[in-house]
Amino acid sequence: MWGRIGAVWGMGGVVVLLGTAVVRLSLIAVDAFRHPFDGWQWSLLIAHTAFMAHAEGYKGFQKSYAPRVVARAKHLMHEPTPLRLALAPLFCMGYFHTTRRRLLSTYLLTAAIVVLILIYHDLPQPWRGILDVGVVVGLTWGILSLVGFSAKAFGHGELDTSPELPTAHCTAEN
């Protein structure tokens, strides 16, 4: 029972985190359309949105992040520990008890996202909104990917993605 609760808490926490970002950024993105766009701005909107859909949505979320998060949630369901249960969203996202390579990737990606947020935050409208449209598209794709992979993995299907756990000789949560 605790494993199921942990898996739901982990997946739910990740979806809520992403969903909150989608809602916040959508408001900024919609506000951009109150400004008149010139040709360069329309071009940037289209190019950046297409880039983010492919890079963040398809390659980042659908092909890598979402299947791994779901695989880790499924692992949590079968092998819960008190720490993993308490911090289930962080466990599912790969912030601890994972391979060194994944740990490094997770923290570096988080740092890069924080830097981009700081840069985007100071951009004036409509530029910030134009860029946020692409981010919203990528994050929405990510949420849909998480839901789809969850339905597959927790339904009757199998998920052939590694949860990227540390090797057997590493027993401590890292």
C-alpha atoms as a PDB file:
ATOM      1  CA  MET A   1       0.000   0.000   0.000  1.00  0.00           C
ATOM      2  CA  TRP A   2       2.779   2.482   0.886  1.00  0.00           C
ATOM      3  CA  GLY A   3       4.454   1.844  -2.426  1.00  0.00           C
ATOM      4  CA  ARG A   4       1.293   2.770  -4.318  1.00  0.00           C
ATOM      5  CA  ILE A   5       0.893   5.918  -2.244  1.00  0.00           C
ATOM      6  CA  GLY A   6       4.526   6.809  -2.939  1.00  0.00           C
ATOM      7  CA  ALA A   7       4.136   6.266  -6.681  1.00  0.00           C
ATOM      8  CA  VAL A   8       1.018   8.449  -6.790  1.00  0.00           C
ATOM      9  CA  TRP A   9       2.691  11.129  -4.624  1.00  0.00           C
ATOM     10  CA  GLY A  10       5.800  11.028  -6.805  1.00  0.00           C
ATOM     11  CA  MET A  11       4.007  11.241 -10.145  1.00  0.00           C
ATOM     12  CA  GLY A  12       1.422  13.679  -8.831  1.00  0.00           C
ATOM     13  CA  GLY A  13       4.101  15.947  -7.412  1.00  0.00           C
ATOM     14  CA  VAL A  14       5.991  16.061 -10.712  1.00  0.00           C
ATOM     15  CA  VAL A  15       2.811  16.764 -12.704  1.00  0.00           C
ATOM     16  CA  VAL A  16       1.713  19.501 -10.265  1.00  0.00           C
ATOM     17  CA  LEU A  17       5.164  21.106 -10.400  1.00  0.00           C
ATOM     18  CA  LEU A  18       5.107  21.179 -14.203  1.00  0.00           C
ATOM     19  CA  GLY A  19       1.441  22.158 -14.311  1.00  0.00           C
ATOM     20  CA  THR A  20       2.039  25.113 -12.001  1.00  0.00           C
ATOM     21  CA  ALA A  21       4.784  26.332 -14.312  1.00  0.00           C
ATOM     22  CA  VAL A  22       2.489  25.939 -17.329  1.00  0.00           C
ATOM     23  CA  VAL A  23      -0.236  28.022 -15.680  1.00  0.00           C
ATOM     24  CA  ARG A  24       2.147  30.783 -14.549  1.00  0.00           C
ATOM     25  CA  LEU A  25       3.946  30.994 -17.882  1.00  0.00           C
ATOM     26  CA  SER A  26       0.716  30.801 -19.888  1.00  0.00           C
ATOM     27  CA  LEU A  27      -0.454  34.032 -18.289  1.00  0.00           C
ATOM     28  CA  ILE A  28       2.762  35.769 -19.349  1.00  0.00           C
ATOM     29  CA  ALA A  29       2.609  34.211 -22.825  1.00  0.00           C
ATOM     30  CA  VAL A  30      -0.985  35.350 -23.379  1.00  0.00           C
ATOM     31  CA  ASP A  31      -0.081  38.847 -22.193  1.00  0.00           C
ATOM     32  CA  ALA A  32       2.503  39.090 -24.984  1.00  0.00           C
ATOM     33  CA  PHE A  33      -0.281  39.031 -27.561  1.00  0.00           C
ATOM     34  CA  ARG A  34      -1.580  42.361 -26.240  1.00  0.00           C
ATOM     35  CA  HIS A  35       1.439  43.913 -27.988  1.00  0.00           C
ATOM     36  CA  PRO A  36       1.717  44.277 -31.756  1.00  0.00           C
ATOM     37  CA  PHE A  37       4.251  41.865 -33.250  1.00  0.00           C
ATOM     38  CA  ASP A  38       6.581  42.732 -36.103  1.00  0.00           C
ATOM     39  CA  GLY A  39       7.920  40.187 -38.600  1.00  0.00           C
ATOM     40  CA  TRP A  40      10.948  39.299 -36.469  1.00  0.00           C
ATOM     41  CA  GLN A  41       8.790  38.649 -33.436  1.00  0.00           C
ATOM     42  CA  TRP A  42       6.406  36.394 -35.372  1.00  0.00           C
ATOM     43  CA  SER A  43       9.409  34.557 -36.808  1.00  0.00           C
ATOM     44  CA  LEU A  44      10.924  34.110 -33.356  1.00  0.00           C
ATOM     45  CA  LEU A  45       7.591  32.920 -31.943  1.00  0.00           C
ATOM     46  CA  ILE A  46       7.214  30.260 -34.629  1.00  0.00           C
ATOM     47  CA  ALA A  47      10.860  29.146 -34.633  1.00  0.00           C
ATOM     48  CA  HIS A  48      11.252  29.053 -30.845  1.00  0.00           C
ATOM     49  CA  THR A  49       7.948  27.257 -30.326  1.00  0.00           C
ATOM     50  CA  ALA A  50       8.865  24.623 -32.935  1.00  0.00           C
ATOM     51  CA  PHE A  51      12.325  24.261 -31.394  1.00  0.00           C
ATOM     52  CA  MET A  52      10.932  23.868 -27.864  1.00  0.00           C
ATOM     53  CA  ALA A  53       8.284  21.396 -29.002  1.00  0.00           C
ATOM     54  CA  HIS A  54      10.994  19.239 -30.565  1.00  0.00           C
ATOM     55  CA  ALA A  55      13.885  19.745 -28.127  1.00  0.00           C
ATOM     56  CA  GLU A  56      12.068  20.047 -24.800  1.00  0.00           C
ATOM     57  CA  GLY A  57       8.785  18.279 -25.528  1.00  0.00           C
ATOM     58  CA  TYR A  58       9.728  15.423 -27.820  1.00  0.00           C
ATOM     59  CA  LYS A  59      13.423  14.760 -27.199  1.00  0.00           C
ATOM     60  CA  GLY A  60      13.644  15.935 -23.588  1.00  0.00           C
ATOM     61  CA  PHE A  61      10.370  14.783 -22.104  1.00  0.00           C
ATOM     62  CA  GLN A  62       8.886  12.100 -24.347  1.00  0.00           C
ATOM     63  CA  LYS A  63      12.110  10.300 -25.255  1.00  0.00           C
ATOM     64  CA  SER A  64      14.023  10.649 -21.991  1.00  0.00           C
ATOM     65  CA  TYR A  65      12.603  12.326 -18.899  1.00  0.00           C
ATOM     66  CA  ALA A  66       9.000  11.071 -18.773  1.00  0.00           C
ATOM     67  CA  PRO A  67       9.767   7.353 -19.228  1.00  0.00           C
ATOM     68  CA  ARG A  68      12.516   7.550 -16.600  1.00  0.00           C
ATOM     69  CA  VAL A  69      10.310   9.391 -14.080  1.00  0.00           C
ATOM     70  CA  VAL A  70       7.593   6.776 -14.554  1.00  0.00           C
ATOM     71  CA  ALA A  71      10.123   3.929 -14.277  1.00  0.00           C
ATOM     72  CA  ARG A  72      11.353   5.394 -10.987  1.00  0.00           C
ATOM     73  CA  ALA A  73       7.762   5.769  -9.724  1.00  0.00           C
ATOM     74  CA  LYS A  74       7.121   2.125 -10.612  1.00  0.00           C
ATOM     75  CA  HIS A  75      10.305   1.121  -8.781  1.00  0.00           C
ATOM     76  CA  LEU A  76       9.150   3.158  -5.777  1.00  0.00           C
ATOM     77  CA  MET A  77       5.829   1.325  -5.824  1.00  0.00           C
ATOM     78  CA  HIS A  78       7.613  -2.033  -5.525  1.00  0.00           C
ATOM     79  CA  GLU A  79      10.489  -0.988  -3.245  1.00  0.00           C
ATOM     80  CA  PRO A  80       9.439   1.897  -1.006  1.00  0.00           C
ATOM     81  CA  THR A  81      11.690   3.260   1.710  1.00  0.00           C
ATOM     82  CA  PRO A  82      10.780   5.978   4.208  1.00  0.00           C
ATOM     83  CA  LEU A  83      13.070   8.519   2.513  1.00  0.00           C
ATOM     84  CA  ARG A  84      11.828   7.729  -0.988  1.00  0.00           C
ATOM     85  CA  LEU A  85       8.212   7.920   0.188  1.00  0.00           C
ATOM     86  CA  ALA A  86       8.685  11.260   1.928  1.00  0.00           C
ATOM     87  CA  LEU A  87      10.524  12.770  -1.031  1.00  0.00           C
ATOM     88  CA  ALA A  88       8.797  10.797  -3.784  1.00  0.00           C
ATOM     89  CA  PRO A  89       8.640  13.608  -6.388  1.00  0.00           C
ATOM     90  CA  LEU A  90      12.364  14.302  -5.905  1.00  0.00           C
ATOM     91  CA  PHE A  91      13.124  10.577  -6.102  1.00  0.00           C
ATOM     92  CA  CYS A  92      11.099  10.226  -9.296  1.00  0.00           C
ATOM     93  CA  MET A  93      12.859  13.238 -10.831  1.00  0.00           C
ATOM     94  CA  GLY A  94      16.254  11.697 -10.078  1.00  0.00           C
ATOM     95  CA  TYR A  95      17.566  14.040  -7.390  1.00  0.00           C
ATOM     96  CA  PHE A  96      18.799  11.141  -5.246  1.00  0.00           C
ATOM     97  CA  HIS A  97      19.369   7.371  -5.304  1.00  0.00           C
ATOM     98  CA  THR A  98      20.413   7.281  -8.937  1.00  0.00           C
ATOM     99  CA  THR A  99      23.585   6.794 -10.939  1.00  0.00           C
ATOM    100  CA  ARG A 100      26.331   9.378 -10.597  1.00  0.00           C
ATOM    101  CA  ARG A 101      25.898  10.328 -14.235  1.00  0.00           C
ATOM    102  CA  ARG A 102      22.148  10.894 -13.829  1.00  0.00           C
ATOM    103  CA  LEU A 103      22.704  12.816 -10.589  1.00  0.00           C
ATOM    104  CA  LEU A 104      25.181  15.121 -12.317  1.00  0.00           C
ATOM    105  CA  SER A 105      22.861  15.555 -15.313  1.00  0.00           C
ATOM    106  CA  THR A 106      19.871  16.312 -13.083  1.00  0.00           C
ATOM    107  CA  TYR A 107      21.653  18.973 -11.060  1.00  0.00           C
ATOM    108  CA  LEU A 108      23.334  20.576 -14.091  1.00  0.00           C
ATOM    109  CA  LEU A 109      20.028  20.703 -15.972  1.00  0.00           C
ATOM    110  CA  THR A 110      18.346  22.237 -12.931  1.00  0.00           C
ATOM    111  CA  ALA A 111      21.067  24.898 -12.718  1.00  0.00           C
ATOM    112  CA  ALA A 112      20.719  25.660 -16.435  1.00  0.00           C
ATOM    113  CA  ILE A 113      16.944  26.005 -16.059  1.00  0.00           C
ATOM    114  CA  VAL A 114      17.388  28.399 -13.138  1.00  0.00           C
ATOM    115  CA  VAL A 115      19.800  30.519 -15.200  1.00  0.00           C
ATOM    116  CA  LEU A 116      17.327  30.627 -18.105  1.00  0.00           C
ATOM    117  CA  ILE A 117      14.515  31.595 -15.736  1.00  0.00           C
ATOM    118  CA  LEU A 118      16.613  34.477 -14.414  1.00  0.00           C
ATOM    119  CA  ILE A 119      17.409  35.640 -17.948  1.00  0.00           C
ATOM    120  CA  TYR A 120      13.822  35.300 -19.197  1.00  0.00           C
ATOM    121  CA  HIS A 121      12.451  37.066 -16.112  1.00  0.00           C
ATOM    122  CA  ASP A 122      14.060  40.378 -17.035  1.00  0.00           C
ATOM    123  CA  LEU A 123      12.997  40.388 -20.685  1.00  0.00           C
ATOM    124  CA  PRO A 124      10.353  42.953 -21.595  1.00  0.00           C
ATOM    125  CA  GLN A 125       7.089  42.010 -23.274  1.00  0.00           C
ATOM    126  CA  PRO A 126       6.436  40.814 -25.910  1.00  0.00           C
ATOM    127  CA  TRP A 127       9.847  39.100 -25.985  1.00  0.00           C
ATOM    128  CA  ARG A 128       9.388  37.238 -22.708  1.00  0.00           C
ATOM    129  CA  GLY A 129       5.929  36.044 -23.690  1.00  0.00           C
ATOM    130  CA  ILE A 130       7.165  34.942 -27.109  1.00  0.00           C
ATOM    131  CA  LEU A 131       9.797  32.741 -25.477  1.00  0.00           C
ATOM    132  CA  ASP A 132       7.369  31.526 -22.806  1.00  0.00           C
ATOM    133  CA  VAL A 133       4.983  30.237 -25.498  1.00  0.00           C
ATOM    134  CA  GLY A 134       7.665  27.724 -26.487  1.00  0.00           C
ATOM    135  CA  VAL A 135       8.315  26.763 -22.881  1.00  0.00           C
ATOM    136  CA  VAL A 136       4.585  26.233 -22.278  1.00  0.00           C
ATOM    137  CA  VAL A 137       4.368  23.998 -25.355  1.00  0.00           C
ATOM    138  CA  GLY A 138       7.374  21.946 -24.191  1.00  0.00           C
ATOM    139  CA  LEU A 139       6.119  21.606 -20.609  1.00  0.00           C
ATOM    140  CA  THR A 140       2.606  20.695 -21.758  1.00  0.00           C
ATOM    141  CA  TRP A 141       4.105  18.015 -24.010  1.00  0.00           C
ATOM    142  CA  GLY A 142       6.017  16.813 -20.959  1.00  0.00           C
ATOM    143  CA  ILE A 143       2.901  16.540 -18.811  1.00  0.00           C
ATOM    144  CA  LEU A 144       1.077  14.643 -21.543  1.00  0.00           C
ATOM    145  CA  SER A 145       4.085  12.329 -21.901  1.00  0.00           C
ATOM    146  CA  LEU A 146       4.111  11.640 -18.159  1.00  0.00           C
ATOM    147  CA  VAL A 147       0.402  10.855 -18.184  1.00  0.00           C
ATOM    148  CA  GLY A 148       0.759   8.609 -21.233  1.00  0.00           C
ATOM    149  CA  PHE A 149       3.731   6.661 -19.900  1.00  0.00           C
ATOM    150  CA  SER A 150       2.022   6.350 -16.497  1.00  0.00           C
ATOM    151  CA  ALA A 151      -1.087   4.894 -18.105  1.00  0.00           C
ATOM    152  CA  LYS A 152       1.075   2.407 -19.973  1.00  0.00           C
ATOM    153  CA  ALA A 153       3.322   1.446 -17.050  1.00  0.00           C
ATOM    154  CA  PHE A 154       0.678   1.253 -14.340  1.00  0.00           C
ATOM    155  CA  GLY A 155      -1.961  -0.241 -16.619  1.00  0.00           C
ATOM    156  CA  HIS A 156      -1.331  -3.584 -18.237  1.00  0.00           C
ATOM    157  CA  GLY A 157       1.628  -2.522 -20.344  1.00  0.00           C
ATOM    158  CA  GLU A 158       5.311  -2.758 -19.635  1.00  0.00           C
ATOM    159  CA  LEU A 159       7.810   0.059 -19.641  1.00  0.00           C
ATOM    160  CA  ASP A 160      11.268  -0.876 -20.917  1.00  0.00           C
ATOM    161  CA  THR A 161      13.023   2.176 -19.472  1.00  0.00           C
ATOM    162  CA  SER A 162      15.655   1.901 -16.755  1.00  0.00           C
ATOM    163  CA  PRO A 163      14.941   3.744 -13.495  1.00  0.00           C
ATOM    164  CA  GLU A 164      18.697   4.430 -13.427  1.00  0.00           C
ATOM    165  CA  LEU A 165      19.334   3.177  -9.921  1.00  0.00           C
ATOM    166  CA  PRO A 166      22.842   3.055  -8.492  1.00  0.00           C
ATOM    167  CA  THR A 167      24.779  -0.180  -8.834  1.00  0.00           C
ATOM    168  CA  ALA A 168      24.200  -2.998  -6.359  1.00  0.00           C
ATOM    169  CA  HIS A 169      27.356  -2.213  -4.344  1.00  0.00           C
ATOM    170  CA  CYS A 170      26.000   1.228  -3.478  1.00  0.00           C
ATOM    171  CA  THR A 171      23.440   0.686  -0.734  1.00  0.00           C
ATOM    172  CA  ALA A 172      23.183   4.173   0.759  1.00  0.00           C
ATOM    173  CA  GLU A 173      20.712   6.696  -0.646  1.00  0.00           C
ATOM    174  CA  ASN A 174      22.831   9.279  -2.486  1.00  0.00           C
END
